[in-house]
Amino acid sequence: MSSASFRCERLFDGAEWHDDVVIHVENGMITALEPTAGLSGGASLDGMVVPGFVDLQVNGGGGTLLNDAPTRESIETICSAHWQFGTTALLPTLITDTREVTAAAIAAGSAAAGKVPGFAGLHLEGPHLSLARKGAHDPALVRPMENEDLQLLVAARAQLPNLLVTVAAETVIPDQIRALADAGIIVSIGHSDAGFDTANAAIDAGARMVTHLFNAMSQMGHREPGLVGAALARGEVYAGLIADGIHVHPQAIKIALAAKQGPGRIFLVTDAMSQTGTDIRELTLNGRQITRANGALRLADGTLAGADLDMIDAVAFMHREIGLGLEEALKMASFYPAQAIGLEGHGQLIKGSPANFVQLSSDLAVRSTVIGGEQLFSA
């Protein structure tokens, strides 16, 4: 049995702040929080200790893109690249690709399950999307969902801790969505030009999430609310948000936060690519060049291709630019995405939760990251 303790100057448990407390950990789980008075020993963490971040859309990091190298080693590189930004659980994300690459990514995820710190499952974004809202996805690889695809996904779910799939509501029919949901797969609607009624039919069939709200989807109009309208109106739906000030205008973020019906919430994603944690200026996706400049990643025609964003910067943006209280911004990066896919105990620092937490300075710089009670990053 492994045990550890951490003395925290100030701790946010996911709901409340505590001063001068000790986190006790056994076998990677929090066994108790108690006042430091009269206690000695353990690692000392000054500044703020907060729940580890949960990122449900991570295409790459550390110079590796999952599409380019769908292996367990790539998953480990991607996960470790995001530790320095406070992410303690993530879904490596495969962008639209061939059946062969998809199968290789699933095999890699199966090999990584329970062995790579921070690996929480896979996100397969495509290939069953709308050509009208393809974004940076290769149109030559976008295709309808056939029974072979459906069976591959159902079989994959049994091999992975979590499986999230992004599909377009107008190309993947409700019966297919229902079959995916019944198999325990989290279905997210994205890269979709579906109208409000079609989006609602997908939600009725079991879709419970929307991928990168506002981006690559039908917008809200006064006569046709589109997928954006369905995401905000349906309380059971969670929605990812790329909070970099480029993908979504700050005022649109504020309006969406005010309009969102619950209990489903808007949560933060990075949509990070291979450049995260490196000084890479150029990368490729399906053989097409992406340039990193001015805080964005773009194809040659100007199309946004993922985001040049990490989770602590997304938290800081929501707090400083959008004006959210720090507590709410932290929840958007931890508790809400954990709720969205049913990651029990994540986004909280309470007895029985995984010992996944981040030490932050007063100016929101990551000082250290702990996963399962083990410090895996220290600045």
Protein backbone atom coordinates (compact mmCIF):
# COMPACT_ATOMS: atom_id res chain seq x y z
CA MET A 1 0.00 0.00 0.00
CA SER A 2 1.43 3.37 -1.04
CA SER A 3 0.66 6.48 0.99
CA ALA A 4 1.52 10.16 0.87
CA SER A 5 0.44 13.44 2.38
CA PHE A 6 0.42 16.99 1.05
CA ARG A 7 0.28 20.11 3.20
CA CYS A 8 -1.75 22.76 1.35
CA GLU A 9 -1.69 26.46 2.13
CA ARG A 10 -5.04 26.98 0.37
CA LEU A 11 -7.22 24.32 -1.24
CA PHE A 12 -10.32 24.42 -3.45
CA ASP A 13 -12.16 21.11 -3.07
CA GLY A 14 -14.44 21.71 -6.05
CA ALA A 15 -17.04 23.56 -3.98
CA GLU A 16 -15.33 25.43 -1.14
CA TRP A 17 -11.96 26.91 -0.19
CA HIS A 18 -10.00 25.61 2.81
CA ASP A 19 -6.91 27.10 4.44
CA ASP A 20 -4.06 25.06 5.93
CA VAL A 21 -5.18 21.51 5.26
CA VAL A 22 -3.44 18.20 4.65
CA ILE A 23 -4.47 15.80 1.89
CA HIS A 24 -3.90 12.18 2.89
CA VAL A 25 -3.52 9.71 0.04
CA GLU A 26 -3.46 5.92 -0.08
CA ASN A 27 -3.16 3.91 -3.27
CA GLY A 28 -3.84 6.98 -5.39
CA MET A 29 -7.07 7.96 -3.63
CA ILE A 30 -7.79 10.70 -1.11
CA THR A 31 -8.55 9.17 2.28
CA ALA A 32 -8.95 12.36 4.31
CA LEU A 33 -8.58 16.12 4.46
CA GLU A 34 -7.72 17.56 7.85
CA PRO A 35 -6.30 20.75 9.36
CA THR A 36 -2.51 21.03 9.43
CA ALA A 37 -2.46 22.07 13.09
CA GLY A 38 -0.42 19.57 15.07
CA LEU A 39 0.60 17.58 11.98
CA SER A 40 4.06 17.29 10.50
CA GLY A 41 5.61 15.72 7.44
CA GLY A 42 4.41 15.51 3.86
CA ALA A 43 5.11 17.66 0.84
CA SER A 44 4.36 21.34 1.34
CA LEU A 45 2.34 23.07 -1.40
CA ASP A 46 2.03 26.83 -1.13
CA GLY A 47 -0.25 28.96 -3.29
CA MET A 48 -3.49 27.27 -4.37
CA VAL A 49 -4.25 23.56 -4.73
CA VAL A 50 -7.20 22.82 -7.04
CA PRO A 51 -8.75 19.76 -8.69
CA GLY A 52 -6.87 18.46 -11.71
CA PHE A 53 -8.19 19.53 -15.09
CA VAL A 54 -10.16 17.17 -17.35
CA ASP A 55 -9.81 17.73 -21.11
CA LEU A 56 -12.16 15.82 -23.41
CA GLN A 57 -10.64 16.98 -26.72
CA VAL A 58 -6.88 16.65 -27.10
CA ASN A 59 -5.60 15.88 -30.58
CA GLY A 60 -1.96 15.94 -29.60
CA GLY A 61 0.90 17.37 -27.60
CA GLY A 62 4.63 17.11 -27.10
CA GLY A 63 5.22 17.07 -30.85
CA THR A 64 2.86 14.13 -31.42
CA LEU A 65 -0.54 14.03 -33.13
CA LEU A 66 -2.63 10.92 -32.51
CA ASN A 67 -3.55 10.71 -36.20
CA ASP A 68 0.12 10.58 -37.20
CA ALA A 69 1.09 7.88 -34.73
CA PRO A 70 -1.86 5.98 -33.20
CA THR A 71 0.21 4.06 -30.64
CA ARG A 72 0.34 3.64 -26.89
CA GLU A 73 3.66 5.53 -26.90
CA SER A 74 1.99 8.50 -28.60
CA ILE A 75 -0.81 8.48 -26.04
CA GLU A 76 1.80 8.58 -23.26
CA THR A 77 3.59 11.50 -24.95
CA ILE A 78 0.32 13.42 -25.37
CA CYS A 79 -0.78 12.86 -21.78
CA SER A 80 2.59 13.82 -20.32
CA ALA A 81 2.77 16.97 -22.46
CA HIS A 82 -0.40 18.25 -20.81
CA TRP A 83 0.68 17.61 -17.21
CA GLN A 84 2.60 20.89 -17.21
CA PHE A 85 -0.67 22.73 -17.88
CA GLY A 86 -2.58 21.06 -15.04
CA THR A 87 -4.45 18.38 -16.99
CA THR A 88 -4.71 15.16 -15.00
CA ALA A 89 -7.27 13.30 -17.13
CA LEU A 90 -7.80 13.58 -20.88
CA LEU A 91 -9.24 11.92 -23.95
CA PRO A 92 -6.69 11.71 -26.78
CA THR A 93 -8.70 12.62 -29.86
CA LEU A 94 -8.54 11.11 -33.32
CA ILE A 95 -9.56 13.52 -36.09
CA THR A 96 -11.39 12.03 -39.09
CA ASP A 97 -9.24 9.29 -40.65
CA THR A 98 -9.42 5.88 -42.31
CA ARG A 99 -10.90 2.74 -40.75
CA GLU A 100 -7.37 1.37 -40.38
CA VAL A 101 -6.10 4.38 -38.45
CA THR A 102 -9.24 4.38 -36.32
CA ALA A 103 -8.73 0.71 -35.45
CA ALA A 104 -5.07 1.39 -34.59
CA ALA A 105 -6.07 4.26 -32.28
CA ILE A 106 -8.57 2.01 -30.49
CA ALA A 107 -5.89 -0.68 -30.05
CA ALA A 108 -3.50 1.95 -28.70
CA GLY A 109 -6.13 3.16 -26.25
CA SER A 110 -6.75 -0.39 -25.08
CA ALA A 111 -3.01 -0.83 -24.48
CA ALA A 112 -2.82 2.47 -22.57
CA ALA A 113 -5.83 1.82 -20.33
CA GLY A 114 -4.80 1.64 -16.68
CA LYS A 115 -1.14 2.09 -17.58
CA VAL A 116 -0.69 5.71 -18.74
CA PRO A 117 -1.26 8.37 -16.06
CA GLY A 118 -3.91 10.80 -17.21
CA PHE A 119 -5.38 8.57 -19.93
CA ALA A 120 -9.17 8.51 -19.46
CA GLY A 121 -10.28 7.03 -22.80
CA LEU A 122 -10.58 8.09 -26.43
CA HIS A 123 -12.49 10.72 -28.37
CA LEU A 124 -13.15 9.80 -32.01
CA GLU A 125 -14.07 13.05 -33.77
CA GLY A 126 -15.46 11.84 -37.07
CA PRO A 127 -15.41 10.54 -39.74
CA HIS A 128 -19.23 10.55 -39.74
CA LEU A 129 -19.64 14.30 -40.10
CA SER A 130 -21.27 16.88 -42.37
CA LEU A 131 -19.27 18.05 -45.37
CA ALA A 132 -21.01 21.41 -45.04
CA ARG A 133 -19.44 21.84 -41.58
CA LYS A 134 -16.25 19.83 -42.01
CA GLY A 135 -13.91 22.54 -40.68
CA ALA A 136 -10.35 21.24 -40.92
CA HIS A 137 -11.44 17.61 -41.39
CA ASP A 138 -10.34 16.11 -44.71
CA PRO A 139 -13.46 15.92 -46.93
CA ALA A 140 -12.04 12.87 -48.72
CA LEU A 141 -12.22 10.94 -45.43
CA VAL A 142 -15.67 12.08 -44.26
CA ARG A 143 -18.27 9.35 -44.85
CA PRO A 144 -21.60 7.95 -43.60
CA MET A 145 -21.73 5.49 -40.72
CA GLU A 146 -22.13 1.93 -41.93
CA ASN A 147 -22.88 -1.13 -39.83
CA GLU A 148 -19.19 -2.08 -39.84
CA ASP A 149 -18.36 1.29 -38.27
CA LEU A 150 -21.09 0.93 -35.67
CA GLN A 151 -19.91 -2.53 -34.65
CA LEU A 152 -16.29 -1.33 -34.42
CA LEU A 153 -17.33 1.42 -32.00
CA VAL A 154 -19.49 -0.88 -29.88
CA ALA A 155 -16.63 -3.39 -29.61
CA ALA A 156 -14.17 -0.58 -28.80
CA ARG A 157 -16.22 0.58 -25.84
CA ALA A 158 -15.53 -2.68 -24.03
CA GLN A 159 -11.77 -2.10 -24.39
CA LEU A 160 -11.64 1.49 -23.15
CA PRO A 161 -12.37 3.27 -19.86
CA ASN A 162 -14.45 5.83 -21.79
CA LEU A 163 -15.32 6.36 -25.44
CA LEU A 164 -16.65 9.65 -26.80
CA VAL A 165 -17.64 9.93 -30.47
CA THR A 166 -18.49 13.10 -32.37
CA VAL A 167 -21.01 12.65 -35.19
CA ALA A 168 -23.24 14.90 -37.29
CA ALA A 169 -26.93 14.63 -36.44
CA GLU A 170 -27.99 14.68 -40.08
CA THR A 171 -25.65 11.88 -41.21
CA VAL A 172 -25.86 9.48 -38.26
CA ILE A 173 -29.50 8.53 -37.80
CA PRO A 174 -31.27 8.31 -34.42
CA ASP A 175 -31.29 4.49 -34.44
CA GLN A 176 -27.49 4.48 -34.79
CA ILE A 177 -27.11 7.08 -32.04
CA ARG A 178 -29.37 5.01 -29.80
CA ALA A 179 -27.28 1.89 -30.43
CA LEU A 180 -24.09 3.76 -29.55
CA ALA A 181 -25.58 5.24 -26.40
CA ASP A 182 -27.00 1.87 -25.34
CA ALA A 183 -23.47 0.45 -25.60
CA GLY A 184 -22.20 3.04 -23.11
CA ILE A 185 -20.62 5.35 -25.68
CA ILE A 186 -20.92 9.09 -25.08
CA VAL A 187 -22.35 10.58 -28.27
CA SER A 188 -21.57 14.20 -29.07
CA ILE A 189 -23.04 16.17 -31.95
CA GLY A 190 -20.54 18.25 -33.89
CA HIS A 191 -19.41 19.27 -37.35
CA SER A 192 -23.11 19.28 -38.10
CA ASP A 193 -25.40 21.51 -40.15
CA ALA A 194 -28.50 19.96 -38.60
CA GLY A 195 -31.54 22.07 -37.89
CA PHE A 196 -33.09 22.37 -34.44
CA ASP A 197 -35.55 19.51 -34.94
CA THR A 198 -32.92 17.11 -36.27
CA ALA A 199 -30.57 18.01 -33.41
CA ASN A 200 -33.38 17.40 -30.92
CA ALA A 201 -34.08 14.00 -32.47
CA ALA A 202 -30.42 13.07 -31.95
CA ILE A 203 -30.63 14.17 -28.32
CA ASP A 204 -33.85 12.22 -27.85
CA ALA A 205 -32.00 9.18 -29.19
CA GLY A 206 -29.24 9.52 -26.58
CA ALA A 207 -26.72 12.17 -27.66
CA ARG A 208 -25.60 14.00 -24.52
CA MET A 209 -22.94 16.41 -25.68
CA VAL A 210 -22.07 19.03 -28.29
CA THR A 211 -18.51 19.35 -29.62
CA HIS A 212 -16.83 22.80 -29.47
CA LEU A 213 -19.96 24.95 -29.17
CA PHE A 214 -20.49 27.47 -32.02
CA ASN A 215 -17.67 26.05 -34.13
CA ALA A 216 -18.48 23.86 -37.15
CA MET A 217 -22.22 23.76 -36.52
CA SER A 218 -25.51 25.37 -37.53
CA GLN A 219 -25.91 28.68 -35.74
CA MET A 220 -28.85 30.11 -33.85
CA GLY A 221 -31.32 32.11 -35.91
CA HIS A 222 -34.60 33.66 -34.87
CA ARG A 223 -36.63 31.19 -36.96
CA GLU A 224 -34.21 28.25 -36.99
CA PRO A 225 -32.32 27.84 -33.68
CA GLY A 226 -29.95 25.25 -35.17
CA LEU A 227 -27.58 23.03 -33.22
CA VAL A 228 -26.40 25.95 -31.09
CA GLY A 229 -30.00 26.53 -29.99
CA ALA A 230 -30.52 22.86 -29.19
CA ALA A 231 -27.31 22.73 -27.16
CA LEU A 232 -28.40 25.68 -25.04
CA ALA A 233 -32.07 24.72 -24.71
CA ARG A 234 -31.73 21.02 -23.82
CA GLY A 235 -30.85 20.71 -20.15
CA GLU A 236 -29.40 17.21 -20.39
CA VAL A 237 -26.75 18.31 -22.91
CA TYR A 238 -23.20 19.31 -22.02
CA ALA A 239 -21.17 21.44 -24.45
CA GLY A 240 -17.44 21.83 -24.93
CA LEU A 241 -16.02 25.32 -25.48
CA ILE A 242 -12.68 26.47 -26.91
CA ALA A 243 -11.99 29.55 -24.78
CA ASP A 244 -9.14 31.29 -26.57
CA GLY A 245 -10.89 34.46 -27.78
CA ILE A 246 -10.40 33.31 -31.39
CA HIS A 247 -12.78 30.39 -31.84
CA VAL A 248 -15.66 32.13 -30.04
CA HIS A 249 -16.15 35.86 -29.41
CA PRO A 250 -16.14 36.74 -25.70
CA GLN A 251 -19.65 38.21 -25.92
CA ALA A 252 -20.95 35.01 -27.50
CA ILE A 253 -19.42 33.07 -24.60
CA LYS A 254 -21.17 35.34 -22.08
CA ILE A 255 -24.51 34.96 -23.87
CA ALA A 256 -24.15 31.17 -24.03
CA LEU A 257 -23.33 30.93 -20.33
CA ALA A 258 -26.38 33.02 -19.47
CA ALA A 259 -28.66 31.02 -21.79
CA LYS A 260 -27.54 27.45 -21.05
CA GLN A 261 -30.24 25.33 -19.48
CA GLY A 262 -29.11 22.79 -16.87
CA PRO A 263 -28.22 20.50 -15.33
CA GLY A 264 -25.89 20.08 -18.34
CA ARG A 265 -23.07 22.62 -18.40
CA ILE A 266 -20.65 24.30 -20.75
CA PHE A 267 -17.12 23.03 -20.09
CA LEU A 268 -13.65 23.86 -21.39
CA VAL A 269 -11.68 21.91 -23.99
CA THR A 270 -8.35 22.79 -25.55
CA ASP A 271 -8.68 21.07 -28.96
CA ALA A 272 -4.88 21.03 -28.68
CA MET A 273 -2.66 19.80 -31.48
CA SER A 274 0.88 18.40 -31.53
CA GLN A 275 2.49 21.80 -30.84
CA THR A 276 1.35 21.90 -27.21
CA GLY A 277 4.34 22.03 -24.90
CA THR A 278 6.77 22.69 -27.78
CA ASP A 279 7.99 25.58 -29.93
CA ILE A 280 6.80 23.90 -33.16
CA ARG A 281 5.60 26.48 -35.70
CA GLU A 282 4.37 24.17 -38.46
CA LEU A 283 2.61 20.80 -38.36
CA THR A 284 0.51 18.62 -40.66
CA LEU A 285 -2.91 16.97 -40.61
CA ASN A 286 -3.74 14.31 -43.20
CA GLY A 287 -0.85 15.66 -45.27
CA ARG A 288 -2.00 19.29 -45.13
CA GLN A 289 0.20 21.97 -43.59
CA ILE A 290 -0.93 23.87 -40.51
CA THR A 291 0.78 27.10 -39.46
CA ARG A 292 1.01 28.32 -35.88
CA ALA A 293 0.83 32.13 -35.64
CA ASN A 294 -0.86 34.83 -33.57
CA GLY A 295 -2.31 32.38 -31.07
CA ALA A 296 -4.02 30.22 -33.70
CA LEU A 297 -3.46 27.17 -35.91
CA ARG A 298 -4.65 27.49 -39.49
CA LEU A 299 -4.65 25.59 -42.77
CA ALA A 300 -3.33 27.39 -45.84
CA ASP A 301 -6.84 28.68 -46.66
CA GLY A 302 -7.19 30.22 -43.19
CA THR A 303 -9.42 27.51 -41.71
CA LEU A 304 -8.83 27.01 -37.99
CA ALA A 305 -7.29 23.58 -37.36
CA GLY A 306 -7.42 22.80 -33.68
CA ALA A 307 -6.31 25.38 -31.15
CA ASP A 308 -3.06 26.77 -29.77
CA LEU A 309 -4.43 26.50 -26.24
CA ASP A 310 -3.74 24.72 -22.96
CA MET A 311 -6.14 24.25 -20.08
CA ILE A 312 -4.65 26.69 -17.58
CA ASP A 313 -4.75 29.42 -20.23
CA ALA A 314 -8.41 28.58 -20.90
CA VAL A 315 -9.15 28.91 -17.17
CA ALA A 316 -7.31 32.23 -17.03
CA PHE A 317 -9.24 33.50 -20.07
CA MET A 318 -12.60 32.64 -18.52
CA HIS A 319 -11.61 34.29 -15.24
CA ARG A 320 -9.88 37.42 -16.56
CA GLU A 321 -11.56 38.10 -19.91
CA ILE A 322 -15.06 36.69 -19.37
CA GLY A 323 -15.21 37.75 -15.74
CA LEU A 324 -16.16 34.44 -14.14
CA GLY A 325 -15.24 33.83 -10.55
CA LEU A 326 -12.14 31.68 -10.30
CA GLU A 327 -14.18 28.89 -8.71
CA GLU A 328 -16.53 28.66 -11.70
CA ALA A 329 -13.68 28.82 -14.21
CA LEU A 330 -11.96 25.97 -12.37
CA LYS A 331 -15.17 23.90 -12.39
CA MET A 332 -15.46 24.41 -16.17
CA ALA A 333 -12.02 22.81 -16.50
CA SER A 334 -12.53 19.98 -14.04
CA PHE A 335 -15.87 19.10 -12.46
CA TYR A 336 -18.16 19.83 -15.43
CA PRO A 337 -16.23 17.79 -18.03
CA ALA A 338 -15.90 14.98 -15.50
CA GLN A 339 -19.67 15.05 -15.03
CA ALA A 340 -20.18 15.07 -18.79
CA ILE A 341 -18.60 11.64 -19.23
CA GLY A 342 -19.24 10.22 -15.77
CA LEU A 343 -15.68 10.35 -14.41
CA GLU A 344 -16.57 9.60 -10.80
CA GLY A 345 -14.74 11.71 -8.22
CA HIS A 346 -12.77 13.78 -10.72
CA GLY A 347 -13.00 17.56 -10.39
CA GLN A 348 -13.27 17.24 -6.60
CA LEU A 349 -10.80 16.91 -3.75
CA ILE A 350 -12.78 14.99 -1.18
CA LYS A 351 -12.52 11.64 0.57
CA GLY A 352 -12.82 8.88 -2.02
CA SER A 353 -11.71 11.03 -4.97
CA PRO A 354 -8.65 10.28 -7.08
CA ALA A 355 -5.66 12.24 -5.77
CA ASN A 356 -5.43 14.35 -8.93
CA PHE A 357 -4.65 17.98 -8.25
CA VAL A 358 -2.74 21.03 -9.40
CA GLN A 359 -0.68 23.55 -7.47
CA LEU A 360 -1.18 27.09 -8.82
CA SER A 361 0.54 30.37 -8.05
CA SER A 362 -1.49 33.49 -7.33
CA ASP A 363 -1.11 34.53 -10.98
CA LEU A 364 -2.45 31.14 -12.20
CA ALA A 365 0.84 29.56 -13.21
CA VAL A 366 1.07 25.79 -12.78
CA ARG A 367 3.69 24.97 -10.14
CA SER A 368 3.12 21.21 -9.92
CA THR A 369 0.72 18.48 -11.04
CA VAL A 370 -0.15 15.36 -9.05
CA ILE A 371 -1.89 12.29 -10.50
CA GLY A 372 -2.84 9.41 -8.27
CA GLY A 373 -0.86 10.94 -5.41
CA GLU A 374 2.35 11.08 -7.46
CA GLN A 375 3.89 14.41 -8.44
CA LEU A 376 4.45 14.05 -12.20
CA PHE A 377 5.29 17.66 -13.01
CA SER A 378 7.09 20.37 -11.08
CA ALA A 379 8.01 23.78 -12.48
